[in-house]
C-alpha atoms as a PDB file:
ATOM      1  CA  UNK A   1     -25.707 -94.858 -43.455  1.00  0.00           C
ATOM      2  CA  UNK A   2     -24.479 -98.185 -42.238  1.00  0.00           C
ATOM      3  CA  UNK A   3     -23.357-100.784 -44.733  1.00  0.00           C
ATOM      4  CA  UNK A   4     -23.213-103.367 -41.959  1.00  0.00           C
ATOM      5  CA  UNK A   5     -26.203-105.416 -41.001  1.00  0.00           C
ATOM      6  CA  UNK A   6     -26.730-106.421 -37.406  1.00  0.00           C
ATOM      7  CA  UNK A   7     -26.566-110.214 -37.673  1.00  0.00           C
ATOM      8  CA  UNK A   8     -29.389-112.222 -36.214  1.00  0.00           C
ATOM      9  CA  UNK A   9     -28.823-115.388 -34.209  1.00  0.00           C
ATOM     10  CA  UNK A  10     -29.426-117.674 -37.205  1.00  0.00           C
ATOM     11  CA  UNK A  11     -26.820-115.768 -39.242  1.00  0.00           C
ATOM     12  CA  UNK A  12     -23.883-116.329 -36.880  1.00  0.00           C
ATOM     13  CA  UNK A  13     -21.665-119.303 -36.088  1.00  0.00           C
ATOM     14  CA  UNK A  14     -22.630-121.883 -33.482  1.00  0.00           C
ATOM     15  CA  UNK A  15     -20.104-120.501 -30.997  1.00  0.00           C
ATOM     16  CA  UNK A  16     -21.502-116.988 -31.462  1.00  0.00           C
ATOM     17  CA  UNK A  17     -25.063-118.358 -31.106  1.00  0.00           C
ATOM     18  CA  UNK A  18     -24.107-119.683 -27.679  1.00  0.00           C
ATOM     19  CA  UNK A  19     -22.785-116.234 -26.742  1.00  0.00           C
ATOM     20  CA  UNK A  20     -25.992-114.624 -28.049  1.00  0.00           C
ATOM     21  CA  UNK A  21     -27.986-117.015 -25.841  1.00  0.00           C
ATOM     22  CA  UNK A  22     -25.889-116.092 -22.797  1.00  0.00           C
ATOM     23  CA  UNK A  23     -26.265-112.372 -23.523  1.00  0.00           C
ATOM     24  CA  UNK A  24     -30.010-112.821 -23.923  1.00  0.00           C
ATOM     25  CA  UNK A  25     -30.157-114.457 -20.481  1.00  0.00           C
ATOM     26  CA  UNK A  26     -27.857-111.947 -18.787  1.00  0.00           C
ATOM     27  CA  UNK A  27     -28.935-108.678 -20.422  1.00  0.00           C
ATOM     28  CA  UNK A  28     -32.359-109.505 -21.832  1.00  0.00           C
ATOM     29  CA  UNK A  29     -31.266-108.874 -25.423  1.00  0.00           C
ATOM     30  CA  UNK A  30     -28.197-108.956 -27.646  1.00  0.00           C
ATOM     31  CA  UNK A  31     -26.970-105.370 -28.023  1.00  0.00           C
ATOM     32  CA  UNK A  32     -26.470-104.443 -31.677  1.00  0.00           C
ATOM     33  CA  UNK A  33     -22.797-103.633 -31.186  1.00  0.00           C
ATOM     34  CA  UNK A  34     -22.123-107.034 -29.613  1.00  0.00           C
ATOM     35  CA  UNK A  35     -23.998-108.687 -32.469  1.00  0.00           C
ATOM     36  CA  UNK A  36     -21.790-106.773 -34.912  1.00  0.00           C
ATOM     37  CA  UNK A  37     -18.700-108.378 -33.380  1.00  0.00           C
ATOM     38  CA  UNK A  38     -20.254-111.721 -34.424  1.00  0.00           C
ATOM     39  CA  UNK A  39     -19.458-111.001 -38.087  1.00  0.00           C
ATOM     40  CA  UNK A  40     -16.148-112.509 -36.965  1.00  0.00           C
ATOM     41  CA  UNK A  41     -15.892-116.067 -35.710  1.00  0.00           C
ATOM     42  CA  UNK A  42     -13.677-114.949 -32.807  1.00  0.00           C
ATOM     43  CA  UNK A  43     -14.102-111.221 -32.169  1.00  0.00           C
ATOM     44  CA  UNK A  44     -17.177-111.386 -29.944  1.00  0.00           C
ATOM     45  CA  UNK A  45     -15.699-113.987 -27.582  1.00  0.00           C
ATOM     46  CA  UNK A  46     -12.348-112.194 -27.562  1.00  0.00           C
ATOM     47  CA  UNK A  47     -13.926-108.823 -26.850  1.00  0.00           C
ATOM     48  CA  UNK A  48     -16.154-110.163 -24.080  1.00  0.00           C
ATOM     49  CA  UNK A  49     -13.159-111.903 -22.488  1.00  0.00           C
ATOM     50  CA  UNK A  50     -11.287-108.589 -22.441  1.00  0.00           C
ATOM     51  CA  UNK A  51     -14.298-106.588 -21.309  1.00  0.00           C
ATOM     52  CA  UNK A  52     -15.177-109.009 -18.502  1.00  0.00           C
ATOM     53  CA  UNK A  53     -11.594-109.693 -17.371  1.00  0.00           C
ATOM     54  CA  UNK A  54     -10.578-109.172 -13.744  1.00  0.00           C
ATOM     55  CA  UNK A  55      -9.512-105.628 -12.946  1.00  0.00           C
ATOM     56  CA  UNK A  56      -8.645-103.508  -9.930  1.00  0.00           C
ATOM     57  CA  UNK A  57     -11.406-101.077 -10.921  1.00  0.00           C
ATOM     58  CA  UNK A  58     -14.934-101.445  -9.580  1.00  0.00           C
ATOM     59  CA  UNK A  59     -17.925-101.488 -11.938  1.00  0.00           C
ATOM     60  CA  UNK A  60     -18.656 -97.864 -11.030  1.00  0.00           C
ATOM     61  CA  UNK A  61     -15.029 -96.822 -11.634  1.00  0.00           C
ATOM     62  CA  UNK A  62     -15.074 -98.604 -14.997  1.00  0.00           C
ATOM     63  CA  UNK A  63     -18.070 -96.491 -16.016  1.00  0.00           C
ATOM     64  CA  UNK A  64     -16.088 -93.336 -15.246  1.00  0.00           C
ATOM     65  CA  UNK A  65     -13.498 -94.462 -17.795  1.00  0.00           C
ATOM     66  CA  UNK A  66     -16.066 -95.741 -20.309  1.00  0.00           C
ATOM     67  CA  UNK A  67     -17.971 -92.438 -20.319  1.00  0.00           C
ATOM     68  CA  UNK A  68     -14.868 -90.237 -20.629  1.00  0.00           C
ATOM     69  CA  UNK A  69     -13.339 -92.349 -23.404  1.00  0.00           C
ATOM     70  CA  UNK A  70     -16.576 -92.675 -25.369  1.00  0.00           C
ATOM     71  CA  UNK A  71     -17.059 -88.894 -25.231  1.00  0.00           C
ATOM     72  CA  UNK A  72     -13.546 -88.158 -26.499  1.00  0.00           C
ATOM     73  CA  UNK A  73     -14.069 -90.710 -29.286  1.00  0.00           C
ATOM     74  CA  UNK A  74     -17.547 -89.300 -29.983  1.00  0.00           C
ATOM     75  CA  UNK A  75     -19.209 -92.716 -30.041  1.00  0.00           C
ATOM     76  CA  UNK A  76     -22.979 -92.296 -29.905  1.00  0.00           C
ATOM     77  CA  UNK A  77     -23.558 -96.008 -29.298  1.00  0.00           C
ATOM     78  CA  UNK A  78     -21.177 -96.317 -26.349  1.00  0.00           C
ATOM     79  CA  UNK A  79     -22.330 -93.003 -24.860  1.00  0.00           C
ATOM     80  CA  UNK A  80     -25.928 -94.266 -24.926  1.00  0.00           C
ATOM     81  CA  UNK A  81     -25.022 -97.677 -23.507  1.00  0.00           C
ATOM     82  CA  UNK A  82     -22.735 -96.334 -20.783  1.00  0.00           C
ATOM     83  CA  UNK A  83     -25.178 -93.605 -19.797  1.00  0.00           C
ATOM     84  CA  UNK A  84     -27.669 -96.398 -19.062  1.00  0.00           C
ATOM     85  CA  UNK A  85     -25.022 -98.525 -17.313  1.00  0.00           C
ATOM     86  CA  UNK A  86     -23.753 -95.494 -15.380  1.00  0.00           C
ATOM     87  CA  UNK A  87     -27.260 -94.944 -14.011  1.00  0.00           C
ATOM     88  CA  UNK A  88     -27.453 -98.623 -13.036  1.00  0.00           C
ATOM     89  CA  UNK A  89     -24.186 -98.075 -11.117  1.00  0.00           C
ATOM     90  CA  UNK A  90     -25.613 -95.162  -9.143  1.00  0.00           C
ATOM     91  CA  UNK A  91     -24.548 -92.069 -11.076  1.00  0.00           C
ATOM     92  CA  UNK A  92     -27.078 -89.276 -11.546  1.00  0.00           C
ATOM     93  CA  UNK A  93     -27.780 -87.676 -14.925  1.00  0.00           C
ATOM     94  CA  UNK A  94     -25.710 -84.618 -13.948  1.00  0.00           C
ATOM     95  CA  UNK A  95     -22.806 -86.754 -12.742  1.00  0.00           C
ATOM     96  CA  UNK A  96     -22.842 -88.727 -16.008  1.00  0.00           C
ATOM     97  CA  UNK A  97     -22.669 -85.520 -18.023  1.00  0.00           C
ATOM     98  CA  UNK A  98     -19.763 -84.338 -15.898  1.00  0.00           C
ATOM     99  CA  UNK A  99     -17.936 -87.673 -16.301  1.00  0.00           C
ATOM    100  CA  UNK A 100     -18.352 -87.381 -20.064  1.00  0.00           C
ATOM    101  CA  UNK A 101     -16.458 -84.081 -19.801  1.00  0.00           C
ATOM    102  CA  UNK A 102     -13.629 -85.941 -18.070  1.00  0.00           C
ATOM    103  CA  UNK A 103     -14.195 -84.624 -14.586  1.00  0.00           C
ATOM    104  CA  UNK A 104     -16.036 -85.444 -11.356  1.00  0.00           C
ATOM    105  CA  UNK A 105     -16.346 -82.466  -8.998  1.00  0.00           C
ATOM    106  CA  UNK A 106     -18.472 -84.670  -6.724  1.00  0.00           C
ATOM    107  CA  UNK A 107     -15.588 -87.078  -5.915  1.00  0.00           C
ATOM    108  CA  UNK A 108     -11.868 -86.188  -5.909  1.00  0.00           C
ATOM    109  CA  UNK A 109     -10.684 -89.739  -6.571  1.00  0.00           C
ATOM    110  CA  UNK A 110     -13.106 -90.271  -9.471  1.00  0.00           C
ATOM    111  CA  UNK A 111     -12.135 -86.834 -10.782  1.00  0.00           C
ATOM    112  CA  UNK A 112      -8.501 -87.948 -11.086  1.00  0.00           C
ATOM    113  CA  UNK A 113      -9.648 -91.149 -12.833  1.00  0.00           C
ATOM    114  CA  UNK A 114     -11.885 -89.285 -15.286  1.00  0.00           C
ATOM    115  CA  UNK A 115      -9.132 -86.785 -16.088  1.00  0.00           C
ATOM    116  CA  UNK A 116      -6.639 -89.596 -16.653  1.00  0.00           C
ATOM    117  CA  UNK A 117      -8.973 -91.523 -18.967  1.00  0.00           C
ATOM    118  CA  UNK A 118      -9.759 -88.397 -20.976  1.00  0.00           C
ATOM    119  CA  UNK A 119      -6.101 -87.402 -21.231  1.00  0.00           C
ATOM    120  CA  UNK A 120      -4.925 -90.873 -22.265  1.00  0.00           C
ATOM    121  CA  UNK A 121      -7.571 -90.977 -24.990  1.00  0.00           C
ATOM    122  CA  UNK A 122      -7.048 -87.439 -26.258  1.00  0.00           C
ATOM    123  CA  UNK A 123      -3.284 -87.904 -26.412  1.00  0.00           C
ATOM    124  CA  UNK A 124      -3.397 -91.494 -27.715  1.00  0.00           C
ATOM    125  CA  UNK A 125      -1.406 -92.755 -24.767  1.00  0.00           C
ATOM    126  CA  UNK A 126       1.092 -89.888 -24.485  1.00  0.00           C
ATOM    127  CA  UNK A 127      -0.424 -88.953 -21.124  1.00  0.00           C
ATOM    128  CA  UNK A 128       0.516 -85.659 -19.479  1.00  0.00           C
ATOM    129  CA  UNK A 129       2.772 -86.365 -16.484  1.00  0.00           C
ATOM    130  CA  UNK A 130       0.851 -83.899 -14.331  1.00  0.00           C
ATOM    131  CA  UNK A 131      -2.345 -85.895 -14.902  1.00  0.00           C
ATOM    132  CA  UNK A 132      -0.551 -89.123 -13.947  1.00  0.00           C
ATOM    133  CA  UNK A 133       0.928 -87.466 -10.829  1.00  0.00           C
ATOM    134  CA  UNK A 134      -2.511 -86.158  -9.829  1.00  0.00           C
ATOM    135  CA  UNK A 135      -3.940 -89.667 -10.324  1.00  0.00           C
ATOM    136  CA  UNK A 136      -1.414 -91.134  -7.883  1.00  0.00           C
ATOM    137  CA  UNK A 137      -1.870 -88.244  -5.422  1.00  0.00           C
ATOM    138  CA  UNK A 138      -5.610 -89.019  -5.374  1.00  0.00           C
ATOM    139  CA  UNK A 139      -4.809 -92.472  -3.989  1.00  0.00           C
ATOM    140  CA  UNK A 140      -4.690 -94.629  -7.099  1.00  0.00           C
ATOM    141  CA  UNK A 141      -1.964 -97.261  -7.594  1.00  0.00           C
ATOM    142  CA  UNK A 142       0.249 -98.390 -10.452  1.00  0.00           C
ATOM    143  CA  UNK A 143      -2.062-101.409 -10.815  1.00  0.00           C
ATOM    144  CA  UNK A 144      -5.005 -99.021 -11.216  1.00  0.00           C
ATOM    145  CA  UNK A 145      -3.055 -97.065 -13.845  1.00  0.00           C
ATOM    146  CA  UNK A 146      -2.338-100.179 -15.902  1.00  0.00           C
ATOM    147  CA  UNK A 147      -5.934-101.405 -15.566  1.00  0.00           C
ATOM    148  CA  UNK A 148      -7.220 -97.979 -16.629  1.00  0.00           C
ATOM    149  CA  UNK A 149      -5.051 -98.049 -19.755  1.00  0.00           C
ATOM    150  CA  UNK A 150      -6.350-101.536 -20.596  1.00  0.00           C
ATOM    151  CA  UNK A 151      -9.919-100.278 -20.133  1.00  0.00           C
ATOM    152  CA  UNK A 152      -9.243 -97.261 -22.372  1.00  0.00           C
ATOM    153  CA  UNK A 153      -8.117 -99.725 -25.049  1.00  0.00           C
ATOM    154  CA  UNK A 154     -11.153-101.954 -24.459  1.00  0.00           C
ATOM    155  CA  UNK A 155     -13.585 -99.059 -24.837  1.00  0.00           C
ATOM    156  CA  UNK A 156     -11.729 -97.618 -27.819  1.00  0.00           C
ATOM    157  CA  UNK A 157     -12.197-100.932 -29.662  1.00  0.00           C
ATOM    158  CA  UNK A 158     -15.980-100.674 -29.317  1.00  0.00           C
ATOM    159  CA  UNK A 159     -15.917 -96.961 -30.118  1.00  0.00           C
ATOM    160  CA  UNK A 160     -14.052 -97.675 -33.338  1.00  0.00           C
ATOM    161  CA  UNK A 161     -16.272-100.604 -34.272  1.00  0.00           C
ATOM    162  CA  UNK A 162     -19.375 -98.463 -33.981  1.00  0.00           C
ATOM    163  CA  UNK A 163     -17.849 -95.439 -35.680  1.00  0.00           C
ATOM    164  CA  UNK A 164     -16.840 -97.680 -38.610  1.00  0.00           C
ATOM    165  CA  UNK A 165     -20.042 -99.748 -38.909  1.00  0.00           C
ATOM    166  CA  UNK A 166     -22.592 -97.201 -37.687  1.00  0.00           C
ATOM    167  CA  UNK A 167     -25.029 -99.927 -36.629  1.00  0.00           C
ATOM    168  CA  UNK A 168     -28.244 -98.646 -35.019  1.00  0.00           C
ATOM    169  CA  UNK A 169     -28.073 -97.601 -31.369  1.00  0.00           C
ATOM    170  CA  UNK A 170     -30.439 -99.763 -29.312  1.00  0.00           C
ATOM    171  CA  UNK A 171     -30.135 -97.895 -25.999  1.00  0.00           C
ATOM    172  CA  UNK A 172     -31.839 -94.599 -25.106  1.00  0.00           C
ATOM    173  CA  UNK A 173     -29.937 -91.810 -26.834  1.00  0.00           C
ATOM    174  CA  UNK A 174     -27.423 -89.857 -24.753  1.00  0.00           C
ATOM    175  CA  UNK A 175     -27.932 -86.109 -24.871  1.00  0.00           C
ATOM    176  CA  UNK A 176     -25.320 -84.234 -26.913  1.00  0.00           C
ATOM    177  CA  UNK A 177     -22.881 -82.781 -24.390  1.00  0.00           C
ATOM    178  CA  UNK A 178     -22.730 -79.339 -25.983  1.00  0.00           C
ATOM    179  CA  UNK A 179     -26.497 -78.804 -25.509  1.00  0.00           C
ATOM    180  CA  UNK A 180     -26.359 -79.485 -21.771  1.00  0.00           C
ATOM    181  CA  UNK A 181     -25.108 -77.123 -19.086  1.00  0.00           C
ATOM    182  CA  UNK A 182     -23.112 -78.858 -16.364  1.00  0.00           C
END
């Protein structure tokens, strides 16, 4: 059971209130995990700056990484959120389940990205050279590699925050991978 409350707007600093207001306008609500960052005066702004920073990866490509990393880290919150975001970016339910497994049989380039993200996360950065070579052979660049590693770190931060605080998931629950045939 969580020992962390999800702070409400009136419980956070003025700077975090402004961020809550912007999230409310952009997303329609303040996701519980984002609100949890607001226990810190600076963490929410810092995390959003990292998460929204320029990258060589498209929104759809970022979801490939987010789903693979969140599955390896077994983060129920991020799996639920990124399942919803993955659908908004055009992935089907079956494709999302496959991406969570760290593969994409439906697209060779995304398959190399998913495998890289999974491998980086599983091996805590000691990535298998074959996986890196396959990533480059699929048409990715060194810039894409660096941006993928940054995104793995970004997603791991949120995975760890949720796994530590266990705040309630406020997105539709993602199906457990082991109960689904892909």
